[in-house]
Amino acid sequence: MASAGDQDRPTSPISPSSPTSSAIRKAGTRLLPATKAQPKEMLPVGRKPTVQYVVEELAQAGITQVLFVTGRKKTSIEDHFDRDPELERRLAESNDEQRQDLITSRGVSFFYTRQSVQAGNADAVRQAQEFVGDEPFVVAFGDTIIKSEGRQSLLQRMIHTHQRAGAACTLAVEEVPADEAFRYGVVGPVADADLSADAFRLAELVEKPDKGTAPSNLAIAPRYVFDRSIFGAIDATLPGRSGELWLTDSIEILVKQGLAVQATRLRDGERRYDIGTFETYFKAFIDFALSDDRYGYMIRQYLIWKADQI
């Protein structure tokens, strides 16, 4: 499922899971004044809008159907993923290198639904209930890029361990400074958890805990694999902060029901880029510009020169 919403609603693709074994094929994917007329998912990071990186991540993991849960002023997302045969033809005739960036989502079908009322990210996921049916599915927030290196991406590992364990939920986590844990949804592993394993069971989840009360410094990175039990948990979720339904609270209900909820940790070489503030957006843009195959060297030289001028 893909969701594109405002503030903390998931702006990412929702998609039923990968074509390995019992295929997950689907997945679900919010800075003024920059976002006054466009969603932050469409802010460019390097050469592409943020949400395109998310869709490419889903496609790499075998996702073939993506549902965007959108809100007001999100039509640019639909326009971006619509085919433009005339533009593609012109780029092909000119051998323009940008052509490849336009076709990276080939083989993926896109669907759209709207969350008319900002009732929280759990409610956004609920909009996908009919779309996913009885299949397991992925939720990825469209304003967060996960950069993976190596043969198997974070999402591919999550899908594999989810299916192997028969889990109700598998989510991604990253280590954050302990004094910043209050800014995030935080997990608490079971007492005997092996945190170096591909996946480990969770005993609790807390959405933005009070300072000094977090059960760990493992923060949720917004990538999830669910089975359909999450919809019953969302129905049982009470409004939390700001009166909205929080996905972390819904997953906590799964834990209390005794269902298998597990976490997969970001590895060395994997990084989460949250396009949520100007600081994090600027850092993401710089990192992706520096790693650009064509322009990265020139950008590095410019930054070195610029630093000498300060």
Foldseek 3Di string as FASTA:
>chain_A
DAECEADFAFHGWKFQAAPDDQHGAGGYHAEPPVPVQEGQLQDDQAPGRQLLLRLLVRVVRHHAETEYAYEPNHVVVVVLLDDDVVVLVVCVVVVPPCNVSSCSNPNHHYHYDYDHDPQERLVSVLVCPVVQPQGKIKYYRSQKHKDADDDAGLLNLQRVVCVVVVFQKEFEWEADPLQCQLQAWAWAFPPPFDLVDQKGFTQAIDGNDDGPPGNHRIGTRGMMIHGSVLNVLQVVAFQDPPRHGYSRSSVRVCNVVVTTYMYGYDDVRIDMQRSNYPVSSVVSSLVVQLPDPPRNVVSVVVVVVVVVVD
